[in-house]
Amino acid sequence: MTLAADDLISYLIEELNIAPPIDLDTELFSSGILDSVSLVSLIGFIEEKARTTIPPVDVTLENFDSVDRIVAYVSSLE
């Protein structure tokens, strides 16, 4: 199953209490919007929604620093 950008943005706003606007290219970790504690929840959401497992070695800024990067990463797992 894929992960939709809209679902991810909704999760960030509603569950992690991130103030909108969040665009597809908003830097989530580099900007300090999210931290390591948020990352744990985010990974759980992604794994559940996309029905996949994320290996710890793949948890990098390259894969997780924006909604676009997360969606592209999850798509590459299929």
N, C-alpha and C. Protein backbone atom coordinates (compact mmCIF):
# COMPACT_ATOMS: atom_id res chain seq x y z
N MET A 1 0.84 -1.19 0.00
CA MET A 1 0.00 0.00 0.00
C MET A 1 0.88 1.24 0.00
N THR A 2 0.44 2.26 -0.68
CA THR A 2 1.22 3.48 -0.77
C THR A 2 0.84 4.45 0.35
N LEU A 3 1.66 5.46 0.47
CA LEU A 3 1.43 6.51 1.46
C LEU A 3 1.15 7.79 0.71
N ALA A 4 -0.02 8.37 0.91
CA ALA A 4 -0.39 9.61 0.23
C ALA A 4 0.15 10.81 1.00
N ALA A 5 0.62 11.80 0.26
CA ALA A 5 1.14 13.02 0.87
C ALA A 5 0.09 13.68 1.76
N ASP A 6 -1.16 13.69 1.32
CA ASP A 6 -2.23 14.32 2.10
C ASP A 6 -2.42 13.63 3.45
N ASP A 7 -2.33 12.29 3.45
CA ASP A 7 -2.46 11.54 4.71
C ASP A 7 -1.32 11.89 5.66
N LEU A 8 -0.12 12.01 5.12
CA LEU A 8 1.04 12.33 5.92
C LEU A 8 0.94 13.74 6.49
N ILE A 9 0.54 14.68 5.68
CA ILE A 9 0.39 16.06 6.14
C ILE A 9 -0.69 16.14 7.22
N SER A 10 -1.80 15.45 7.03
CA SER A 10 -2.86 15.42 8.04
C SER A 10 -2.35 14.85 9.35
N TYR A 11 -1.57 13.79 9.28
CA TYR A 11 -1.00 13.19 10.49
C TYR A 11 -0.09 14.18 11.21
N LEU A 12 0.76 14.86 10.46
CA LEU A 12 1.68 15.83 11.06
C LEU A 12 0.92 16.94 11.78
N ILE A 13 -0.13 17.41 11.16
CA ILE A 13 -0.91 18.52 11.74
C ILE A 13 -1.77 18.04 12.91
N GLU A 14 -2.50 16.95 12.72
CA GLU A 14 -3.47 16.52 13.72
C GLU A 14 -2.86 15.73 14.87
N GLU A 15 -1.92 14.86 14.59
CA GLU A 15 -1.38 13.99 15.64
C GLU A 15 -0.09 14.51 16.27
N LEU A 16 0.73 15.17 15.47
CA LEU A 16 1.99 15.70 16.02
C LEU A 16 1.91 17.19 16.31
N ASN A 17 0.72 17.76 16.09
CA ASN A 17 0.44 19.16 16.43
C ASN A 17 1.39 20.14 15.77
N ILE A 18 1.68 19.91 14.50
CA ILE A 18 2.52 20.80 13.73
C ILE A 18 1.62 21.85 13.11
N ALA A 19 1.97 23.11 13.30
CA ALA A 19 1.14 24.19 12.77
C ALA A 19 1.27 24.28 11.24
N PRO A 20 0.14 24.35 10.56
CA PRO A 20 0.20 24.52 9.11
C PRO A 20 0.75 25.91 8.77
N PRO A 21 1.21 26.17 7.60
CA PRO A 21 1.18 25.27 6.46
C PRO A 21 2.39 24.34 6.43
N ILE A 22 2.17 23.14 5.95
CA ILE A 22 3.25 22.19 5.68
C ILE A 22 3.15 21.85 4.20
N ASP A 23 4.19 22.20 3.47
CA ASP A 23 4.23 21.92 2.04
C ASP A 23 4.97 20.62 1.81
N LEU A 24 4.95 20.17 0.59
CA LEU A 24 5.63 18.93 0.24
C LEU A 24 7.14 19.00 0.47
N ASP A 25 7.70 20.21 0.37
CA ASP A 25 9.14 20.35 0.52
C ASP A 25 9.57 21.04 1.83
N THR A 26 8.65 21.21 2.75
CA THR A 26 9.00 21.79 4.06
C THR A 26 10.00 20.87 4.77
N GLU A 27 11.12 21.43 5.20
CA GLU A 27 12.12 20.64 5.92
C GLU A 27 11.61 20.36 7.33
N LEU A 28 11.35 19.12 7.61
CA LEU A 28 10.73 18.74 8.88
C LEU A 28 11.75 18.64 10.01
N PHE A 29 12.89 18.05 9.75
CA PHE A 29 13.89 17.84 10.80
C PHE A 29 14.98 18.90 10.75
N SER A 30 15.45 19.26 9.57
CA SER A 30 16.51 20.26 9.44
C SER A 30 16.07 21.61 10.01
N SER A 31 14.78 21.89 9.92
CA SER A 31 14.26 23.17 10.41
C SER A 31 13.89 23.12 11.89
N GLY A 32 13.87 21.92 12.47
CA GLY A 32 13.50 21.79 13.88
C GLY A 32 12.02 21.62 14.12
N ILE A 33 11.22 21.50 13.07
CA ILE A 33 9.78 21.29 13.25
C ILE A 33 9.54 19.98 13.99
N LEU A 34 10.27 18.93 13.60
CA LEU A 34 10.17 17.63 14.26
C LEU A 34 11.49 17.29 14.93
N ASP A 35 11.41 16.45 15.97
CA ASP A 35 12.61 16.00 16.66
C ASP A 35 12.63 14.47 16.70
N SER A 36 13.60 13.91 17.40
CA SER A 36 13.75 12.46 17.42
C SER A 36 12.57 11.75 18.07
N VAL A 37 11.94 12.38 19.03
CA VAL A 37 10.76 11.78 19.67
C VAL A 37 9.61 11.72 18.66
N SER A 38 9.43 12.78 17.90
CA SER A 38 8.40 12.80 16.86
C SER A 38 8.69 11.76 15.79
N LEU A 39 9.96 11.53 15.53
CA LEU A 39 10.35 10.57 14.50
C LEU A 39 9.84 9.18 14.81
N VAL A 40 9.88 8.79 16.06
CA VAL A 40 9.41 7.46 16.46
C VAL A 40 7.92 7.32 16.12
N SER A 41 7.13 8.31 16.47
CA SER A 41 5.69 8.28 16.16
C SER A 41 5.45 8.30 14.66
N LEU A 42 6.22 9.12 13.96
CA LEU A 42 6.08 9.23 12.52
C LEU A 42 6.37 7.91 11.83
N ILE A 43 7.43 7.25 12.23
CA ILE A 43 7.77 5.96 11.63
C ILE A 43 6.67 4.93 11.90
N GLY A 44 6.13 4.92 13.11
CA GLY A 44 5.02 4.02 13.42
C GLY A 44 3.83 4.26 12.52
N PHE A 45 3.50 5.52 12.31
CA PHE A 45 2.38 5.87 11.43
C PHE A 45 2.65 5.39 10.00
N ILE A 46 3.85 5.68 9.51
CA ILE A 46 4.19 5.30 8.13
C ILE A 46 4.14 3.78 7.96
N GLU A 47 4.72 3.06 8.90
CA GLU A 47 4.72 1.60 8.80
C GLU A 47 3.31 1.03 8.82
N GLU A 48 2.46 1.59 9.65
CA GLU A 48 1.08 1.11 9.72
C GLU A 48 0.30 1.47 8.45
N LYS A 49 0.42 2.71 8.03
CA LYS A 49 -0.34 3.18 6.87
C LYS A 49 0.11 2.50 5.58
N ALA A 50 1.42 2.35 5.41
CA ALA A 50 1.95 1.77 4.18
C ALA A 50 2.13 0.26 4.27
N ARG A 51 1.84 -0.28 5.44
CA ARG A 51 1.99 -1.73 5.67
C ARG A 51 3.39 -2.21 5.25
N THR A 52 4.38 -1.57 5.84
CA THR A 52 5.77 -1.88 5.55
C THR A 52 6.59 -1.78 6.82
N THR A 53 7.84 -2.16 6.74
CA THR A 53 8.77 -2.01 7.84
C THR A 53 9.93 -1.16 7.35
N ILE A 54 10.30 -0.18 8.16
CA ILE A 54 11.39 0.72 7.79
C ILE A 54 12.65 0.29 8.53
N PRO A 55 13.67 -0.14 7.80
CA PRO A 55 14.92 -0.52 8.46
C PRO A 55 15.60 0.71 9.07
N PRO A 56 16.15 0.59 10.27
CA PRO A 56 16.80 1.73 10.91
C PRO A 56 17.87 2.41 10.04
N VAL A 57 18.56 1.64 9.23
CA VAL A 57 19.61 2.22 8.38
C VAL A 57 19.04 3.20 7.35
N ASP A 58 17.75 3.09 7.04
CA ASP A 58 17.11 3.98 6.07
C ASP A 58 16.57 5.27 6.69
N VAL A 59 16.63 5.40 7.99
CA VAL A 59 16.12 6.59 8.66
C VAL A 59 17.19 7.68 8.60
N THR A 60 17.16 8.43 7.50
CA THR A 60 18.13 9.49 7.24
C THR A 60 17.39 10.76 6.83
N LEU A 61 18.10 11.88 6.87
CA LEU A 61 17.50 13.13 6.38
C LEU A 61 17.14 13.02 4.91
N GLU A 62 17.95 12.29 4.17
CA GLU A 62 17.69 12.12 2.75
C GLU A 62 16.31 11.49 2.51
N ASN A 63 15.90 10.59 3.39
CA ASN A 63 14.62 9.90 3.23
C ASN A 63 13.47 10.52 4.01
N PHE A 64 13.76 11.29 5.07
CA PHE A 64 12.69 11.70 5.99
C PHE A 64 12.59 13.20 6.27
N ASP A 65 13.31 14.05 5.54
CA ASP A 65 13.32 15.48 5.90
C ASP A 65 12.17 16.28 5.30
N SER A 66 11.36 15.69 4.45
CA SER A 66 10.20 16.41 3.92
C SER A 66 9.12 15.38 3.54
N VAL A 67 7.92 15.87 3.37
CA VAL A 67 6.82 15.01 2.97
C VAL A 67 7.14 14.35 1.63
N ASP A 68 7.66 15.14 0.70
CA ASP A 68 8.04 14.61 -0.61
C ASP A 68 9.05 13.47 -0.49
N ARG A 69 10.06 13.66 0.33
CA ARG A 69 11.10 12.64 0.50
C ARG A 69 10.53 11.38 1.14
N ILE A 70 9.65 11.55 2.11
CA ILE A 70 9.06 10.39 2.78
C ILE A 70 8.21 9.59 1.80
N VAL A 71 7.37 10.27 1.05
CA VAL A 71 6.50 9.60 0.09
C VAL A 71 7.34 8.88 -0.97
N ALA A 72 8.39 9.53 -1.46
CA ALA A 72 9.26 8.91 -2.46
C ALA A 72 9.96 7.69 -1.87
N TYR A 73 10.43 7.81 -0.64
CA TYR A 73 11.10 6.68 0.02
C TYR A 73 10.14 5.50 0.16
N VAL A 74 8.96 5.74 0.68
CA VAL A 74 7.98 4.67 0.88
C VAL A 74 7.62 4.03 -0.46
N SER A 75 7.49 4.85 -1.50
CA SER A 75 7.20 4.31 -2.83
C SER A 75 8.32 3.40 -3.33
N SER A 76 9.55 3.72 -2.95
CA SER A 76 10.69 2.90 -3.39
C SER A 76 10.71 1.54 -2.71
N LEU A 77 9.98 1.39 -1.61
CA LEU A 77 9.94 0.12 -0.90
C LEU A 77 9.01 -0.88 -1.56
N GLU A 78 8.13 -0.41 -2.39
CA GLU A 78 7.13 -1.30 -3.01
C GLU A 78 7.72 -2.12 -4.13
